[in-house]
């Protein structure tokens, strides 16, 4: 499998509220470290420049809310909310799912 790059972001689903991507196993979701330039956040900024919002407080200038986390070495579907309402809805869905797990 080829290493992650800005160009090889695999989008599984895209709507007005969410983007679901297939996170590569060797890439971080985001980073505040200046030397880590390959992140899912930078891939999204490269692929969807229209998501850039100069009024946001994030270092990348993107208005994104990751709905859950995947470890650095874990690949899989990663849900990203594109607005505050969608993020709240996703948070409640993930929270309910965690609460419903059998013990």
PDB file of N, CA and C in Angstrom:
ATOM      1  N   UNK A   1       0.834  -1.173   0.000  1.00  0.00           N
ATOM      2  CA  UNK A   1       0.000   0.000   0.000  1.00  0.00           C
ATOM      3  C   UNK A   1       0.888   1.250   0.000  1.00  0.00           C
ATOM      4  N   UNK A   2       0.563   2.173  -0.869  1.00  0.00           N
ATOM      5  CA  UNK A   2       1.364   3.396  -0.967  1.00  0.00           C
ATOM      6  C   UNK A   2       1.180   4.275   0.270  1.00  0.00           C
ATOM      7  N   UNK A   3       2.213   5.042   0.639  1.00  0.00           N
ATOM      8  CA  UNK A   3       2.096   5.916   1.806  1.00  0.00           C
ATOM      9  C   UNK A   3       1.075   7.032   1.570  1.00  0.00           C
ATOM     10  N   UNK A   4       0.579   7.573   2.649  1.00  0.00           N
ATOM     11  CA  UNK A   4      -0.389   8.666   2.552  1.00  0.00           C
ATOM     12  C   UNK A   4       0.256   9.896   1.922  1.00  0.00           C
ATOM     13  N   UNK A   5      -0.544  10.630   1.170  1.00  0.00           N
ATOM     14  CA  UNK A   5      -0.092  11.889   0.577  1.00  0.00           C
ATOM     15  C   UNK A   5      -1.283  12.841   0.530  1.00  0.00           C
ATOM     16  N   UNK A   6      -1.033  14.082   0.182  1.00  0.00           N
ATOM     17  CA  UNK A   6      -2.130  15.038   0.067  1.00  0.00           C
ATOM     18  C   UNK A   6      -3.141  14.606  -0.990  1.00  0.00           C
ATOM     19  N   UNK A   7      -2.666  13.975  -2.038  1.00  0.00           N
ATOM     20  CA  UNK A   7      -3.522  13.634  -3.175  1.00  0.00           C
ATOM     21  C   UNK A   7      -4.336  12.356  -2.991  1.00  0.00           C
ATOM     22  N   UNK A   8      -3.930  11.453  -2.104  1.00  0.00           N
ATOM     23  CA  UNK A   8      -4.627  10.168  -2.083  1.00  0.00           C
ATOM     24  C   UNK A   8      -5.674  10.037  -0.971  1.00  0.00           C
ATOM     25  N   UNK A   9      -6.412  11.093  -0.725  1.00  0.00           N
ATOM     26  CA  UNK A   9      -7.525  11.056   0.215  1.00  0.00           C
ATOM     27  C   UNK A   9      -8.687  10.308  -0.437  1.00  0.00           C
ATOM     28  N   UNK A  10      -9.186   9.276   0.228  1.00  0.00           N
ATOM     29  CA  UNK A  10     -10.301   8.484  -0.282  1.00  0.00           C
ATOM     30  C   UNK A  10     -11.589   8.937   0.406  1.00  0.00           C
ATOM     31  N   UNK A  11     -12.463   9.604  -0.346  1.00  0.00           N
ATOM     32  CA  UNK A  11     -13.730  10.091   0.189  1.00  0.00           C
ATOM     33  C   UNK A  11     -14.783   9.001  -0.003  1.00  0.00           C
ATOM     34  N   UNK A  12     -15.387   8.575   1.113  1.00  0.00           N
ATOM     35  CA  UNK A  12     -16.413   7.538   1.070  1.00  0.00           C
ATOM     36  C   UNK A  12     -17.808   8.139   0.951  1.00  0.00           C
ATOM     37  N   UNK A  13     -17.997   9.333   1.513  1.00  0.00           N
ATOM     38  CA  UNK A  13     -19.309   9.979   1.524  1.00  0.00           C
ATOM     39  C   UNK A  13     -19.091  11.482   1.674  1.00  0.00           C
ATOM     40  N   UNK A  14     -19.925  12.271   0.986  1.00  0.00           N
ATOM     41  CA  UNK A  14     -19.821  13.719   1.095  1.00  0.00           C
ATOM     42  C   UNK A  14     -21.210  14.317   0.958  1.00  0.00           C
ATOM     43  N   UNK A  15     -21.609  15.120   1.924  1.00  0.00           N
ATOM     44  CA  UNK A  15     -22.885  15.831   1.872  1.00  0.00           C
ATOM     45  C   UNK A  15     -22.645  17.262   2.351  1.00  0.00           C
ATOM     46  N   UNK A  16     -23.714  18.008   2.490  1.00  0.00           N
ATOM     47  CA  UNK A  16     -23.589  19.382   2.984  1.00  0.00           C
ATOM     48  C   UNK A  16     -23.169  19.412   4.458  1.00  0.00           C
ATOM     49  N   UNK A  17     -23.388  18.309   5.177  1.00  0.00           N
ATOM     50  CA  UNK A  17     -23.113  18.270   6.607  1.00  0.00           C
ATOM     51  C   UNK A  17     -21.905  17.443   7.014  1.00  0.00           C
ATOM     52  N   UNK A  18     -21.564  16.442   6.213  1.00  0.00           N
ATOM     53  CA  UNK A  18     -20.502  15.510   6.598  1.00  0.00           C
ATOM     54  C   UNK A  18     -19.616  15.139   5.420  1.00  0.00           C
ATOM     55  N   UNK A  19     -18.386  14.813   5.748  1.00  0.00           N
ATOM     56  CA  UNK A  19     -17.490  14.119   4.831  1.00  0.00           C
ATOM     57  C   UNK A  19     -16.981  12.903   5.598  1.00  0.00           C
ATOM     58  N   UNK A  20     -17.076  11.740   4.984  1.00  0.00           N
ATOM     59  CA  UNK A  20     -16.519  10.526   5.578  1.00  0.00           C
ATOM     60  C   UNK A  20     -15.372  10.092   4.679  1.00  0.00           C
ATOM     61  N   UNK A  21     -14.203   9.954   5.277  1.00  0.00           N
ATOM     62  CA  UNK A  21     -13.013   9.565   4.514  1.00  0.00           C
ATOM     63  C   UNK A  21     -12.483   8.243   5.043  1.00  0.00           C
ATOM     64  N   UNK A  22     -11.734   7.568   4.206  1.00  0.00           N
ATOM     65  CA  UNK A  22     -11.036   6.358   4.621  1.00  0.00           C
ATOM     66  C   UNK A  22      -9.647   6.793   5.072  1.00  0.00           C
ATOM     67  N   UNK A  23      -9.454   6.868   6.391  1.00  0.00           N
ATOM     68  CA  UNK A  23      -8.178   7.327   6.942  1.00  0.00           C
ATOM     69  C   UNK A  23      -7.108   6.275   6.679  1.00  0.00           C
ATOM     70  N   UNK A  24      -6.018   6.719   6.118  1.00  0.00           N
ATOM     71  CA  UNK A  24      -4.870   5.852   5.843  1.00  0.00           C
ATOM     72  C   UNK A  24      -4.205   5.466   7.152  1.00  0.00           C
ATOM     73  N   UNK A  25      -3.554   4.350   7.210  1.00  0.00           N
ATOM     74  CA  UNK A  25      -2.955   3.850   8.455  1.00  0.00           C
ATOM     75  C   UNK A  25      -1.750   4.656   8.928  1.00  0.00           C
ATOM     76  N   UNK A  26      -1.099   5.402   8.063  1.00  0.00           N
ATOM     77  CA  UNK A  26       0.132   6.089   8.479  1.00  0.00           C
ATOM     78  C   UNK A  26       0.014   7.615   8.486  1.00  0.00           C
ATOM     79  N   UNK A  27      -1.153   8.110   8.879  1.00  0.00           N
ATOM     80  CA  UNK A  27      -1.354   9.557   8.877  1.00  0.00           C
ATOM     81  C   UNK A  27      -2.141   9.968  10.127  1.00  0.00           C
ATOM     82  N   UNK A  28      -1.772  11.108  10.679  1.00  0.00           N
ATOM     83  CA  UNK A  28      -2.485  11.641  11.836  1.00  0.00           C
ATOM     84  C   UNK A  28      -3.717  12.403  11.370  1.00  0.00           C
ATOM     85  N   UNK A  29      -4.690  12.514  12.250  1.00  0.00           N
ATOM     86  CA  UNK A  29      -5.900  13.260  11.915  1.00  0.00           C
ATOM     87  C   UNK A  29      -5.578  14.751  11.801  1.00  0.00           C
ATOM     88  N   UNK A  30      -4.902  15.269  12.810  1.00  0.00           N
ATOM     89  CA  UNK A  30      -4.451  16.661  12.783  1.00  0.00           C
ATOM     90  C   UNK A  30      -3.201  16.767  13.642  1.00  0.00           C
ATOM     91  N   UNK A  31      -2.542  17.871  13.571  1.00  0.00           N
ATOM     92  CA  UNK A  31      -1.328  18.053  14.358  1.00  0.00           C
ATOM     93  C   UNK A  31      -1.037  19.533  14.509  1.00  0.00           C
ATOM     94  N   UNK A  32      -0.505  19.869  15.645  1.00  0.00           N
ATOM     95  CA  UNK A  32      -0.067  21.243  15.879  1.00  0.00           C
ATOM     96  C   UNK A  32       1.448  21.368  15.692  1.00  0.00           C
ATOM     97  N   UNK A  33       2.100  20.281  15.331  1.00  0.00           N
ATOM     98  CA  UNK A  33       3.546  20.279  15.136  1.00  0.00           C
ATOM     99  C   UNK A  33       3.867  20.799  13.734  1.00  0.00           C
ATOM    100  N   UNK A  34       4.746  21.758  13.629  1.00  0.00           N
ATOM    101  CA  UNK A  34       5.054  22.404  12.360  1.00  0.00           C
ATOM    102  C   UNK A  34       5.617  21.435  11.329  1.00  0.00           C
ATOM    103  N   UNK A  35       6.300  20.395  11.758  1.00  0.00           N
ATOM    104  CA  UNK A  35       6.958  19.482  10.820  1.00  0.00           C
ATOM    105  C   UNK A  35       6.020  18.393  10.297  1.00  0.00           C
ATOM    106  N   UNK A  36       4.842  18.227  10.882  1.00  0.00           N
ATOM    107  CA  UNK A  36       3.897  17.223  10.387  1.00  0.00           C
ATOM    108  C   UNK A  36       2.946  17.877   9.400  1.00  0.00           C
ATOM    109  N   UNK A  37       3.271  17.709   8.158  1.00  0.00           N
ATOM    110  CA  UNK A  37       2.486  18.346   7.108  1.00  0.00           C
ATOM    111  C   UNK A  37       1.453  17.397   6.505  1.00  0.00           C
ATOM    112  N   UNK A  38       1.650  16.095   6.670  1.00  0.00           N
ATOM    113  CA  UNK A  38       0.717  15.108   6.143  1.00  0.00           C
ATOM    114  C   UNK A  38      -0.282  14.727   7.229  1.00  0.00           C
ATOM    115  N   UNK A  39      -1.471  15.292   7.182  1.00  0.00           N
ATOM    116  CA  UNK A  39      -2.543  14.972   8.118  1.00  0.00           C
ATOM    117  C   UNK A  39      -3.844  14.853   7.325  1.00  0.00           C
ATOM    118  N   UNK A  40      -4.847  14.235   7.934  1.00  0.00           N
ATOM    119  CA  UNK A  40      -6.156  14.183   7.281  1.00  0.00           C
ATOM    120  C   UNK A  40      -6.672  15.602   7.089  1.00  0.00           C
ATOM    121  N   UNK A  41      -6.425  16.452   8.061  1.00  0.00           N
ATOM    122  CA  UNK A  41      -6.844  17.850   7.963  1.00  0.00           C
ATOM    123  C   UNK A  41      -6.214  18.535   6.745  1.00  0.00           C
ATOM    124  N   UNK A  42      -4.923  18.312   6.514  1.00  0.00           N
ATOM    125  CA  UNK A  42      -4.273  18.930   5.345  1.00  0.00           C
ATOM    126  C   UNK A  42      -4.759  18.297   4.045  1.00  0.00           C
ATOM    127  N   UNK A  43      -5.075  16.997   4.072  1.00  0.00           N
ATOM    128  CA  UNK A  43      -5.643  16.350   2.884  1.00  0.00           C
ATOM    129  C   UNK A  43      -6.991  16.981   2.533  1.00  0.00           C
ATOM    130  N   UNK A  44      -7.827  17.203   3.557  1.00  0.00           N
ATOM    131  CA  UNK A  44      -9.133  17.814   3.327  1.00  0.00           C
ATOM    132  C   UNK A  44      -8.991  19.239   2.795  1.00  0.00           C
ATOM    133  N   UNK A  45      -8.058  19.988   3.341  1.00  0.00           N
ATOM    134  CA  UNK A  45      -7.830  21.363   2.871  1.00  0.00           C
ATOM    135  C   UNK A  45      -7.376  21.364   1.413  1.00  0.00           C
ATOM    136  N   UNK A  46      -6.532  20.394   1.044  1.00  0.00           N
ATOM    137  CA  UNK A  46      -6.051  20.280  -0.326  1.00  0.00           C
ATOM    138  C   UNK A  46      -7.191  19.892  -1.279  1.00  0.00           C
ATOM    139  N   UNK A  47      -7.999  18.921  -0.887  1.00  0.00           N
ATOM    140  CA  UNK A  47      -9.071  18.391  -1.736  1.00  0.00           C
ATOM    141  C   UNK A  47     -10.283  19.312  -1.804  1.00  0.00           C
ATOM    142  N   UNK A  48     -10.592  19.989  -0.690  1.00  0.00           N
ATOM    143  CA  UNK A  48     -11.774  20.835  -0.605  1.00  0.00           C
ATOM    144  C   UNK A  48     -11.382  22.247  -0.155  1.00  0.00           C
ATOM    145  N   UNK A  49     -10.691  23.009  -0.992  1.00  0.00           N
ATOM    146  CA  UNK A  49     -10.244  24.347  -0.582  1.00  0.00           C
ATOM    147  C   UNK A  49     -11.407  25.272  -0.230  1.00  0.00           C
ATOM    148  N   UNK A  50     -12.593  24.967  -0.724  1.00  0.00           N
ATOM    149  CA  UNK A  50     -13.759  25.803  -0.417  1.00  0.00           C
ATOM    150  C   UNK A  50     -14.176  25.708   1.057  1.00  0.00           C
ATOM    151  N   UNK A  51     -13.647  24.722   1.771  1.00  0.00           N
ATOM    152  CA  UNK A  51     -13.939  24.596   3.197  1.00  0.00           C
ATOM    153  C   UNK A  51     -13.113  25.556   4.041  1.00  0.00           C
ATOM    154  N   UNK A  52     -12.128  26.176   3.436  1.00  0.00           N
ATOM    155  CA  UNK A  52     -11.274  27.114   4.173  1.00  0.00           C
ATOM    156  C   UNK A  52     -12.099  28.307   4.625  1.00  0.00           C
ATOM    157  N   UNK A  53     -11.944  28.666   5.870  1.00  0.00           N
ATOM    158  CA  UNK A  53     -12.672  29.792   6.456  1.00  0.00           C
ATOM    159  C   UNK A  53     -11.671  30.652   7.221  1.00  0.00           C
ATOM    160  N   UNK A  54     -11.307  31.800   6.683  1.00  0.00           N
ATOM    161  CA  UNK A  54     -10.303  32.625   7.344  1.00  0.00           C
ATOM    162  C   UNK A  54     -10.728  33.104   8.726  1.00  0.00           C
ATOM    163  N   UNK A  55     -12.011  33.025   9.057  1.00  0.00           N
ATOM    164  CA  UNK A  55     -12.486  33.479  10.356  1.00  0.00           C
ATOM    165  C   UNK A  55     -12.366  32.439  11.462  1.00  0.00           C
ATOM    166  N   UNK A  56     -11.911  31.228  11.140  1.00  0.00           N
ATOM    167  CA  UNK A  56     -11.806  30.196  12.175  1.00  0.00           C
ATOM    168  C   UNK A  56     -10.519  30.364  12.967  1.00  0.00           C
ATOM    169  N   UNK A  57     -10.506  29.742  14.122  1.00  0.00           N
ATOM    170  CA  UNK A  57      -9.352  29.859  15.015  1.00  0.00           C
ATOM    171  C   UNK A  57      -8.344  28.733  14.832  1.00  0.00           C
ATOM    172  N   UNK A  58      -8.626  27.767  13.987  1.00  0.00           N
ATOM    173  CA  UNK A  58      -7.718  26.638  13.839  1.00  0.00           C
ATOM    174  C   UNK A  58      -6.496  27.035  13.034  1.00  0.00           C
ATOM    175  N   UNK A  59      -5.411  26.337  13.268  1.00  0.00           N
ATOM    176  CA  UNK A  59      -4.160  26.622  12.560  1.00  0.00           C
ATOM    177  C   UNK A  59      -4.310  26.417  11.067  1.00  0.00           C
ATOM    178  N   UNK A  60      -5.131  25.435  10.671  1.00  0.00           N
ATOM    179  CA  UNK A  60      -5.278  25.143   9.247  1.00  0.00           C
ATOM    180  C   UNK A  60      -6.238  26.097   8.551  1.00  0.00           C
ATOM    181  N   UNK A  61      -7.055  26.825   9.327  1.00  0.00           N
ATOM    182  CA  UNK A  61      -8.045  27.714   8.715  1.00  0.00           C
ATOM    183  C   UNK A  61      -9.251  26.968   8.191  1.00  0.00           C
ATOM    184  N   UNK A  62      -9.453  25.725   8.625  1.00  0.00           N
ATOM    185  CA  UNK A  62     -10.594  24.938   8.185  1.00  0.00           C
ATOM    186  C   UNK A  62     -11.659  24.904   9.265  1.00  0.00           C
ATOM    187  N   UNK A  63     -12.896  24.862   8.829  1.00  0.00           N
ATOM    188  CA  UNK A  63     -14.009  24.746   9.757  1.00  0.00           C
ATOM    189  C   UNK A  63     -14.451  23.285   9.763  1.00  0.00           C
ATOM    190  N   UNK A  64     -13.717  22.451  10.477  1.00  0.00           N
ATOM    191  CA  UNK A  64     -13.997  21.018  10.522  1.00  0.00           C
ATOM    192  C   UNK A  64     -14.105  20.564  11.960  1.00  0.00           C
ATOM    193  N   UNK A  65     -14.966  19.599  12.189  1.00  0.00           N
ATOM    194  CA  UNK A  65     -15.073  18.986  13.506  1.00  0.00           C
ATOM    195  C   UNK A  65     -15.011  17.474  13.304  1.00  0.00           C
ATOM    196  N   UNK A  66     -13.952  16.866  13.798  1.00  0.00           N
ATOM    197  CA  UNK A  66     -13.832  15.418  13.703  1.00  0.00           C
ATOM    198  C   UNK A  66     -14.797  14.803  14.710  1.00  0.00           C
ATOM    199  N   UNK A  67     -15.678  13.925  14.244  1.00  0.00           N
ATOM    200  CA  UNK A  67     -16.739  13.360  15.074  1.00  0.00           C
ATOM    201  C   UNK A  67     -16.239  12.274  16.016  1.00  0.00           C
ATOM    202  N   UNK A  68     -15.097  11.713  15.720  1.00  0.00           N
ATOM    203  CA  UNK A  68     -14.486  10.685  16.560  1.00  0.00           C
ATOM    204  C   UNK A  68     -13.015  10.629  16.206  1.00  0.00           C
ATOM    205  N   UNK A  69     -12.262   9.793  16.873  1.00  0.00           N
ATOM    206  CA  UNK A  69     -10.821   9.708  16.658  1.00  0.00           C
ATOM    207  C   UNK A  69     -10.429   8.310  16.184  1.00  0.00           C
ATOM    208  N   UNK A  70      -9.365   8.241  15.431  1.00  0.00           N
ATOM    209  CA  UNK A  70      -8.706   6.983  15.088  1.00  0.00           C
ATOM    210  C   UNK A  70      -7.231   7.174  15.407  1.00  0.00           C
ATOM    211  N   UNK A  71      -6.617   6.177  15.995  1.00  0.00           N
ATOM    212  CA  UNK A  71      -5.202   6.257  16.316  1.00  0.00           C
ATOM    213  C   UNK A  71      -4.367   6.442  15.056  1.00  0.00           C
ATOM    214  N   UNK A  72      -3.154   6.936  15.226  1.00  0.00           N
ATOM    215  CA  UNK A  72      -2.236   7.168  14.113  1.00  0.00           C
ATOM    216  C   UNK A  72      -2.106   5.938  13.218  1.00  0.00           C
ATOM    217  N   UNK A  73      -1.895   4.778  13.790  1.00  0.00           N
ATOM    218  CA  UNK A  73      -1.647   3.573  12.988  1.00  0.00           C
ATOM    219  C   UNK A  73      -2.921   2.799  12.652  1.00  0.00           C
ATOM    220  N   UNK A  74      -4.080   3.403  12.861  1.00  0.00           N
ATOM    221  CA  UNK A  74      -5.352   2.750  12.563  1.00  0.00           C
ATOM    222  C   UNK A  74      -5.959   3.347  11.308  1.00  0.00           C
ATOM    223  N   UNK A  75      -6.395   2.498  10.407  1.00  0.00           N
ATOM    224  CA  UNK A  75      -7.094   2.960   9.210  1.00  0.00           C
ATOM    225  C   UNK A  75      -8.585   2.717   9.397  1.00  0.00           C
ATOM    226  N   UNK A  76      -9.377   3.379   8.577  1.00  0.00           N
ATOM    227  CA  UNK A  76     -10.818   3.164   8.638  1.00  0.00           C
ATOM    228  C   UNK A  76     -11.595   4.421   8.367  1.00  0.00           C
ATOM    229  N   UNK A  77     -12.922   4.285   8.418  1.00  0.00           N
ATOM    230  CA  UNK A  77     -13.827   5.399   8.134  1.00  0.00           C
ATOM    231  C   UNK A  77     -13.750   6.442   9.246  1.00  0.00           C
ATOM    232  N   UNK A  78     -13.580   7.679   8.848  1.00  0.00           N
ATOM    233  CA  UNK A  78     -13.487   8.804   9.777  1.00  0.00           C
ATOM    234  C   UNK A  78     -14.525   9.839   9.357  1.00  0.00           C
ATOM    235  N   UNK A  79     -15.424  10.170  10.278  1.00  0.00           N
ATOM    236  CA  UNK A  79     -16.509  11.112   9.991  1.00  0.00           C
ATOM    237  C   UNK A  79     -16.101  12.515  10.416  1.00  0.00           C
ATOM    238  N   UNK A  80     -16.304  13.469   9.518  1.00  0.00           N
ATOM    239  CA  UNK A  80     -15.974  14.868   9.769  1.00  0.00           C
ATOM    240  C   UNK A  80     -17.233  15.699   9.560  1.00  0.00           C
ATOM    241  N   UNK A  81     -17.630  16.451  10.595  1.00  0.00           N
ATOM    242  CA  UNK A  81     -18.789  17.335  10.486  1.00  0.00           C
ATOM    243  C   UNK A  81     -18.350  18.663   9.882  1.00  0.00           C
ATOM    244  N   UNK A  82     -19.186  19.210   9.036  1.00  0.00           N
ATOM    245  CA  UNK A  82     -18.847  20.461   8.357  1.00  0.00           C
ATOM    246  C   UNK A  82     -19.515  21.677   8.982  1.00  0.00           C
ATOM    247  N   UNK A  83     -20.314  21.464  10.024  1.00  0.00           N
ATOM    248  CA  UNK A  83     -20.938  22.583  10.721  1.00  0.00           C
ATOM    249  C   UNK A  83     -21.263  22.172  12.154  1.00  0.00           C
ATOM    250  N   UNK A  84     -21.601  23.147  12.964  1.00  0.00           N
ATOM    251  CA  UNK A  84     -21.817  22.911  14.393  1.00  0.00           C
ATOM    252  C   UNK A  84     -23.018  22.007  14.649  1.00  0.00           C
ATOM    253  N   UNK A  85     -24.112  22.204  13.931  1.00  0.00           N
ATOM    254  CA  UNK A  85     -25.310  21.384  14.130  1.00  0.00           C
ATOM    255  C   UNK A  85     -25.036  19.915  13.794  1.00  0.00           C
ATOM    256  N   UNK A  86     -24.333  19.678  12.696  1.00  0.00           N
ATOM    257  CA  UNK A  86     -23.996  18.304  12.300  1.00  0.00           C
ATOM    258  C   UNK A  86     -23.073  17.662  13.326  1.00  0.00           C
ATOM    259  N   UNK A  87     -22.150  18.438  13.871  1.00  0.00           N
ATOM    260  CA  UNK A  87     -21.238  17.913  14.887  1.00  0.00           C
ATOM    261  C   UNK A  87     -22.007  17.505  16.135  1.00  0.00           C
ATOM    262  N   UNK A  88     -22.972  18.307  16.548  1.00  0.00           N
ATOM    263  CA  UNK A  88     -23.791  17.980  17.712  1.00  0.00           C
ATOM    264  C   UNK A  88     -24.589  16.715  17.500  1.00  0.00           C
ATOM    265  N   UNK A  89     -25.167  16.578  16.311  1.00  0.00           N
ATOM    266  CA  UNK A  89     -25.941  15.374  15.988  1.00  0.00           C
ATOM    267  C   UNK A  89     -25.038  14.140  15.997  1.00  0.00           C
ATOM    268  N   UNK A  90     -23.881  14.234  15.390  1.00  0.00           N
ATOM    269  CA  UNK A  90     -22.949  13.096  15.353  1.00  0.00           C
ATOM    270  C   UNK A  90     -22.479  12.749  16.758  1.00  0.00           C
ATOM    271  N   UNK A  91     -22.212  13.754  17.569  1.00  0.00           N
ATOM    272  CA  UNK A  91     -21.774  13.510  18.945  1.00  0.00           C
ATOM    273  C   UNK A  91     -22.827  12.697  19.699  1.00  0.00           C
ATOM    274  N   UNK A  92     -24.102  13.100  19.566  1.00  0.00           N
ATOM    275  CA  UNK A  92     -25.179  12.373  20.246  1.00  0.00           C
ATOM    276  C   UNK A  92     -25.289  10.937  19.730  1.00  0.00           C
ATOM    277  N   UNK A  93     -25.132  10.751  18.427  1.00  0.00           N
ATOM    278  CA  UNK A  93     -25.200   9.396  17.852  1.00  0.00           C
ATOM    279  C   UNK A  93     -24.069   8.516  18.391  1.00  0.00           C
ATOM    280  N   UNK A  94     -22.851   9.029  18.396  1.00  0.00           N
ATOM    281  CA  UNK A  94     -21.719   8.249  18.894  1.00  0.00           C
ATOM    282  C   UNK A  94     -21.863   7.990  20.393  1.00  0.00           C
ATOM    283  N   UNK A  95     -22.343   8.983  21.141  1.00  0.00           N
ATOM    284  CA  UNK A  95     -22.519   8.829  22.582  1.00  0.00           C
ATOM    285  C   UNK A  95     -23.569   7.760  22.882  1.00  0.00           C
ATOM    286  N   UNK A  96     -24.702   7.789  22.156  1.00  0.00           N
ATOM    287  CA  UNK A  96     -25.754   6.785  22.344  1.00  0.00           C
ATOM    288  C   UNK A  96     -25.257   5.395  21.983  1.00  0.00           C
ATOM    289  N   UNK A  97     -24.467   5.307  20.942  1.00  0.00           N
ATOM    290  CA  UNK A  97     -23.922   4.006  20.515  1.00  0.00           C
ATOM    291  C   UNK A  97     -22.996   3.434  21.588  1.00  0.00           C
ATOM    292  N   UNK A  98     -22.157   4.284  22.171  1.00  0.00           N
ATOM    293  CA  UNK A  98     -21.258   3.827  23.229  1.00  0.00           C
ATOM    294  C   UNK A  98     -22.038   3.373  24.454  1.00  0.00           C
ATOM    295  N   UNK A  99     -23.096   4.090  24.783  1.00  0.00           N
ATOM    296  CA  UNK A  99     -23.904   3.748  25.937  1.00  0.00           C
ATOM    297  C   UNK A  99     -24.671   2.438  25.707  1.00  0.00           C
ATOM    298  N   UNK A 100     -24.995   2.134  24.458  1.00  0.00           N
ATOM    299  CA  UNK A 100     -25.783   0.956  24.143  1.00  0.00           C
ATOM    300  C   UNK A 100     -24.952  -0.320  24.032  1.00  0.00           C
ATOM    301  N   UNK A 101     -23.628  -0.220  24.129  1.00  0.00           N
ATOM    302  CA  UNK A 101     -22.784  -1.410  24.019  1.00  0.00           C
ATOM    303  C   UNK A 101     -23.038  -2.370  25.163  1.00  0.00           C
ATOM    304  N   UNK A 102     -23.081  -3.681  24.871  1.00  0.00           N
ATOM    305  CA  UNK A 102     -23.230  -4.648  25.955  1.00  0.00           C
ATOM    306  C   UNK A 102     -21.963  -4.701  26.809  1.00  0.00           C
ATOM    307  N   UNK A 103     -22.124  -4.998  28.086  1.00  0.00           N
ATOM    308  CA  UNK A 103     -20.961  -5.054  28.980  1.00  0.00           C
ATOM    309  C   UNK A 103     -20.411  -6.447  29.093  1.00  0.00           C
TER     310      UNK A 103
END
